[in-house]
């Protein structure tokens, strides 16, 4: 087991995209102890029951991670329960505004940047000093594969910010053995994406599977990736 007894915080597990579910299950199968955090209590509790069934020890915490106090609370509760945090997976976020740039309101901007970039910053900041004191850790953020697309101005900017955050934290964390990387999946084969995009079967066959994304996260969290930091690892699927 590559993550045997490692303590991992995974955020954003309540989303309908199912990537969080796949990551949590993959970590459980690799022996990690899990702290699952997300806004919707019923979803985060359901995810916790799923990974418990796989034999994992898990703490579920409903939290709005766009709020500084909530991000700090998640890390504090993780430390109180398990004594340390070895891994942080910043999965909270997603695309919720799809409209022309000139139609984006200030509310739209704050929502996309808050959900995708601010959450990653707040959670990373909350855990960083604890990882330094412990002699190291892993932070895995989520960017996106490919360049910007139309009608996603706030989302595009937020994900570009996630890449900059990843690279900056990698520079600051390297001497403390804190490795910070990002996973950048393409359009993943999930129920929500298939429903929204209605791809042709031949196109769907090329989309990356959520398990492939999860396996990439496991690799970056493991000792096998101990020399990798500041990188954006794309999982584009079968092009």
Protein backbone atom coordinates (compact mmCIF):
# COMPACT_ATOMS: atom_id res chain seq x y z
CA UNK A 1 0.00 0.00 0.00
CA UNK A 2 1.59 3.25 -1.17
CA UNK A 3 -0.18 5.50 1.35
CA UNK A 4 -0.23 3.19 4.36
CA UNK A 5 -1.21 5.20 7.49
CA UNK A 6 -0.71 8.55 5.75
CA UNK A 7 -3.24 11.20 6.78
CA UNK A 8 -4.86 12.94 3.83
CA UNK A 9 -7.30 15.84 3.66
CA UNK A 10 -9.37 15.70 0.47
CA UNK A 11 -11.62 18.66 -0.26
CA UNK A 12 -14.50 18.93 -2.71
CA UNK A 13 -15.71 15.34 -2.37
CA UNK A 14 -19.38 16.31 -2.54
CA UNK A 15 -19.34 17.42 -6.18
CA UNK A 16 -21.42 15.66 -8.82
CA UNK A 17 -18.37 15.20 -11.04
CA UNK A 18 -17.36 12.01 -9.14
CA UNK A 19 -13.63 12.75 -9.27
CA UNK A 20 -13.57 13.39 -5.53
CA UNK A 21 -15.30 10.08 -4.97
CA UNK A 22 -12.72 8.28 -7.11
CA UNK A 23 -9.79 9.97 -5.36
CA UNK A 24 -11.15 9.17 -1.89
CA UNK A 25 -11.69 5.53 -2.82
CA UNK A 26 -8.24 5.23 -4.37
CA UNK A 27 -6.62 6.68 -1.25
CA UNK A 28 -8.62 4.33 0.96
CA UNK A 29 -7.47 1.31 -1.05
CA UNK A 30 -3.86 2.48 -0.65
CA UNK A 31 -4.20 2.56 3.15
CA UNK A 32 -4.60 6.28 3.86
CA UNK A 33 -6.50 7.76 6.78
CA UNK A 34 -8.91 10.30 5.36
CA UNK A 35 -10.35 13.67 6.26
CA UNK A 36 -13.11 14.51 3.78
CA UNK A 37 -14.27 18.12 3.61
CA UNK A 38 -17.01 19.64 1.48
CA UNK A 39 -19.87 22.10 1.69
CA UNK A 40 -22.82 19.68 1.52
CA UNK A 41 -23.11 17.65 4.71
CA UNK A 42 -25.21 14.86 3.26
CA UNK A 43 -22.76 14.30 0.41
CA UNK A 44 -19.59 14.40 2.48
CA UNK A 45 -21.13 11.98 4.99
CA UNK A 46 -22.14 9.64 2.15
CA UNK A 47 -18.60 9.70 0.78
CA UNK A 48 -17.29 8.90 4.26
CA UNK A 49 -19.51 5.83 4.49
CA UNK A 50 -18.27 4.64 1.09
CA UNK A 51 -14.62 4.73 2.10
CA UNK A 52 -15.35 3.26 5.53
CA UNK A 53 -16.73 0.25 3.67
CA UNK A 54 -13.28 -0.10 2.09
CA UNK A 55 -11.72 -0.31 5.55
CA UNK A 56 -10.43 3.25 5.84
CA UNK A 57 -10.48 5.37 8.97
CA UNK A 58 -12.26 8.58 8.00
CA UNK A 59 -13.38 11.91 9.44
CA UNK A 60 -16.11 13.80 7.55
CA UNK A 61 -16.26 17.59 7.99
CA UNK A 62 -18.94 19.75 6.35
CA UNK A 63 -17.29 23.12 5.65
CA UNK A 64 -17.42 26.13 3.35
CA UNK A 65 -13.77 26.30 2.34
CA UNK A 66 -14.08 29.75 0.81
CA UNK A 67 -14.10 30.98 4.42
CA UNK A 68 -10.75 31.34 6.17
CA UNK A 69 -12.05 30.16 9.54
CA UNK A 70 -13.61 27.07 7.99
CA UNK A 71 -10.40 26.05 6.20
CA UNK A 72 -8.46 26.49 9.43
CA UNK A 73 -11.08 24.46 11.31
CA UNK A 74 -10.77 21.52 8.93
CA UNK A 75 -7.01 21.34 9.42
CA UNK A 76 -7.33 21.75 13.19
CA UNK A 77 -9.90 18.95 13.44
CA UNK A 78 -7.68 16.72 11.32
CA UNK A 79 -4.76 17.36 13.66
CA UNK A 80 -6.90 16.72 16.72
CA UNK A 81 -8.14 13.41 15.30
CA UNK A 82 -5.00 12.03 13.68
CA UNK A 83 -2.10 14.10 15.05
CA UNK A 84 -0.72 15.14 11.68
CA UNK A 85 -1.55 15.88 8.04
CA UNK A 86 0.69 14.31 5.41
CA UNK A 87 -1.29 15.07 2.25
CA UNK A 88 -3.69 17.77 1.09
CA UNK A 89 -5.72 17.30 -2.10
CA UNK A 90 -7.41 20.55 -3.14
CA UNK A 91 -10.30 19.27 -5.23
CA UNK A 92 -12.92 21.84 -4.25
CA UNK A 93 -14.17 23.83 -7.23
CA UNK A 94 -15.58 23.30 -10.68
CA UNK A 95 -17.21 25.23 -13.50
CA UNK A 96 -20.54 26.78 -12.55
CA UNK A 97 -20.69 29.86 -14.83
CA UNK A 98 -20.73 29.32 -18.59
CA UNK A 99 -21.35 32.62 -20.36
CA UNK A 100 -19.59 35.30 -22.39
CA UNK A 101 -17.00 37.40 -20.57
CA UNK A 102 -19.11 40.55 -20.91
CA UNK A 103 -22.03 38.74 -19.29
CA UNK A 104 -20.07 37.71 -16.22
CA UNK A 105 -21.22 39.62 -13.16
CA UNK A 106 -19.00 40.45 -10.22
CA UNK A 107 -20.88 37.74 -8.33
CA UNK A 108 -19.99 35.23 -11.05
CA UNK A 109 -16.34 36.24 -10.85
CA UNK A 110 -16.14 35.94 -7.08
CA UNK A 111 -17.94 32.58 -7.14
CA UNK A 112 -15.62 30.95 -9.68
CA UNK A 113 -12.41 32.40 -8.26
CA UNK A 114 -13.55 31.66 -4.71
CA UNK A 115 -14.49 28.05 -5.38
CA UNK A 116 -11.47 27.17 -7.50
CA UNK A 117 -8.56 29.34 -6.34
CA UNK A 118 -9.35 30.78 -2.93
CA UNK A 119 -10.20 27.38 -1.46
CA UNK A 120 -6.85 25.96 -2.61
CA UNK A 121 -4.96 28.92 -1.16
CA UNK A 122 -6.75 28.90 2.20
CA UNK A 123 -6.40 25.15 2.73
CA UNK A 124 -2.76 25.13 1.62
CA UNK A 125 -1.91 28.02 3.91
CA UNK A 126 -3.69 26.35 6.81
CA UNK A 127 -1.68 23.15 6.48
CA UNK A 128 1.69 24.50 5.32
CA UNK A 129 3.27 25.33 8.70
CA UNK A 130 2.19 21.98 10.13
CA UNK A 131 3.86 20.18 7.23
CA UNK A 132 7.03 22.23 7.75
CA UNK A 133 7.13 21.28 11.42
CA UNK A 134 6.55 17.61 10.55
CA UNK A 135 9.41 17.55 8.05
CA UNK A 136 7.42 17.48 4.84
CA UNK A 137 4.19 16.73 3.06
CA UNK A 138 2.36 16.65 -0.24
CA UNK A 139 -0.09 19.18 -1.68
CA UNK A 140 -1.93 18.31 -4.89
CA UNK A 141 -4.02 20.97 -6.58
CA UNK A 142 -6.38 20.70 -9.55
CA UNK A 143 -5.81 22.72 -12.71
CA UNK A 144 -7.21 21.92 -16.17
CA UNK A 145 -5.74 20.47 -19.34
CA UNK A 146 -5.51 22.58 -22.48
CA UNK A 147 -5.75 26.32 -22.91
CA UNK A 148 -8.56 28.74 -22.06
CA UNK A 149 -11.96 28.24 -23.65
CA UNK A 150 -14.61 30.80 -24.49
CA UNK A 151 -17.41 31.56 -22.02
CA UNK A 152 -15.27 30.56 -19.03
CA UNK A 153 -13.38 33.76 -18.24
CA UNK A 154 -13.55 33.55 -14.44
CA UNK A 155 -12.92 29.81 -14.40
CA UNK A 156 -9.99 30.14 -16.81
CA UNK A 157 -8.41 32.84 -14.66
CA UNK A 158 -8.98 30.85 -11.48
CA UNK A 159 -7.33 27.73 -12.89
CA UNK A 160 -4.39 29.78 -14.19
CA UNK A 161 -4.10 31.09 -10.65
CA UNK A 162 -4.04 27.53 -9.31
CA UNK A 163 -1.01 26.82 -11.49
CA UNK A 164 0.76 29.93 -10.18
CA UNK A 165 -0.17 28.98 -6.61
CA UNK A 166 1.22 25.49 -7.16
CA UNK A 167 4.52 26.77 -8.53
CA UNK A 168 4.93 29.39 -5.80
CA UNK A 169 4.22 26.96 -2.96
CA UNK A 170 6.60 24.46 -4.56
CA UNK A 171 9.40 27.03 -4.48
CA UNK A 172 8.69 27.90 -0.85
CA UNK A 173 8.13 24.32 0.27
CA UNK A 174 10.98 22.50 -1.44
CA UNK A 175 13.58 23.08 1.27
CA UNK A 176 11.06 21.80 3.82
CA UNK A 177 10.34 18.62 1.81
CA UNK A 178 6.85 19.85 0.93
CA UNK A 179 6.16 18.77 -2.64
CA UNK A 180 3.42 20.73 -4.40
CA UNK A 181 2.03 19.69 -7.77
CA UNK A 182 -1.15 19.99 -9.79
CA UNK A 183 -3.18 17.49 -11.76
CA UNK A 184 -4.79 18.85 -14.92
CA UNK A 185 -7.45 16.49 -16.26
CA UNK A 186 -9.16 16.83 -19.58
CA UNK A 187 -12.91 16.45 -19.90
CA UNK A 188 -13.44 13.48 -17.56
CA UNK A 189 -15.90 10.65 -18.14
CA UNK A 190 -18.38 11.49 -15.37
CA UNK A 191 -22.17 11.44 -15.29
CA UNK A 192 -22.43 15.22 -15.12
CA UNK A 193 -20.05 15.81 -18.03
CA UNK A 194 -21.70 13.18 -20.21
CA UNK A 195 -25.13 14.64 -19.47
CA UNK A 196 -24.00 18.19 -20.25
CA UNK A 197 -21.88 17.47 -23.34
CA UNK A 198 -23.70 14.43 -24.80
CA UNK A 199 -20.57 13.22 -26.61
CA UNK A 200 -20.54 10.74 -29.45
CA UNK A 201 -19.42 7.24 -28.36
CA UNK A 202 -16.14 7.58 -30.27
CA UNK A 203 -15.41 10.88 -28.50
CA UNK A 204 -16.37 9.54 -25.07
CA UNK A 205 -13.94 6.66 -25.55
CA UNK A 206 -11.07 9.18 -25.62
CA UNK A 207 -12.05 11.01 -22.43
CA UNK A 208 -9.91 10.24 -19.36
CA UNK A 209 -11.59 8.01 -16.81
CA UNK A 210 -11.97 9.36 -13.29
CA UNK A 211 -9.99 6.36 -12.00
CA UNK A 212 -7.07 7.43 -14.19
CA UNK A 213 -7.18 10.88 -12.63
CA UNK A 214 -7.36 9.35 -9.15
CA UNK A 215 -4.36 7.10 -9.84
CA UNK A 216 -2.33 10.14 -10.87
CA UNK A 217 -3.18 11.85 -7.58
CA UNK A 218 -2.16 8.74 -5.64
CA UNK A 219 1.19 8.69 -7.44
CA UNK A 220 1.92 12.35 -6.64
CA UNK A 221 0.97 11.76 -3.00
CA UNK A 222 3.22 8.73 -2.67
CA UNK A 223 6.94 8.34 -1.97
CA UNK A 224 7.38 7.40 -5.63
CA UNK A 225 6.99 11.09 -6.47
CA UNK A 226 9.38 12.35 -3.79
CA UNK A 227 11.50 14.21 -6.36
CA UNK A 228 8.66 15.91 -8.21
CA UNK A 229 7.47 19.40 -7.29
CA UNK A 230 6.11 22.48 -9.04
CA UNK A 231 4.74 20.43 -11.92
CA UNK A 232 1.38 20.34 -13.70
CA UNK A 233 0.63 16.77 -14.72
CA UNK A 234 -1.93 16.59 -17.51
CA UNK A 235 -4.32 13.65 -17.82
CA UNK A 236 -5.79 14.44 -21.23
CA UNK A 237 -7.12 11.00 -22.10
CA UNK A 238 -6.60 9.13 -25.32
CA UNK A 239 -6.09 11.90 -27.87
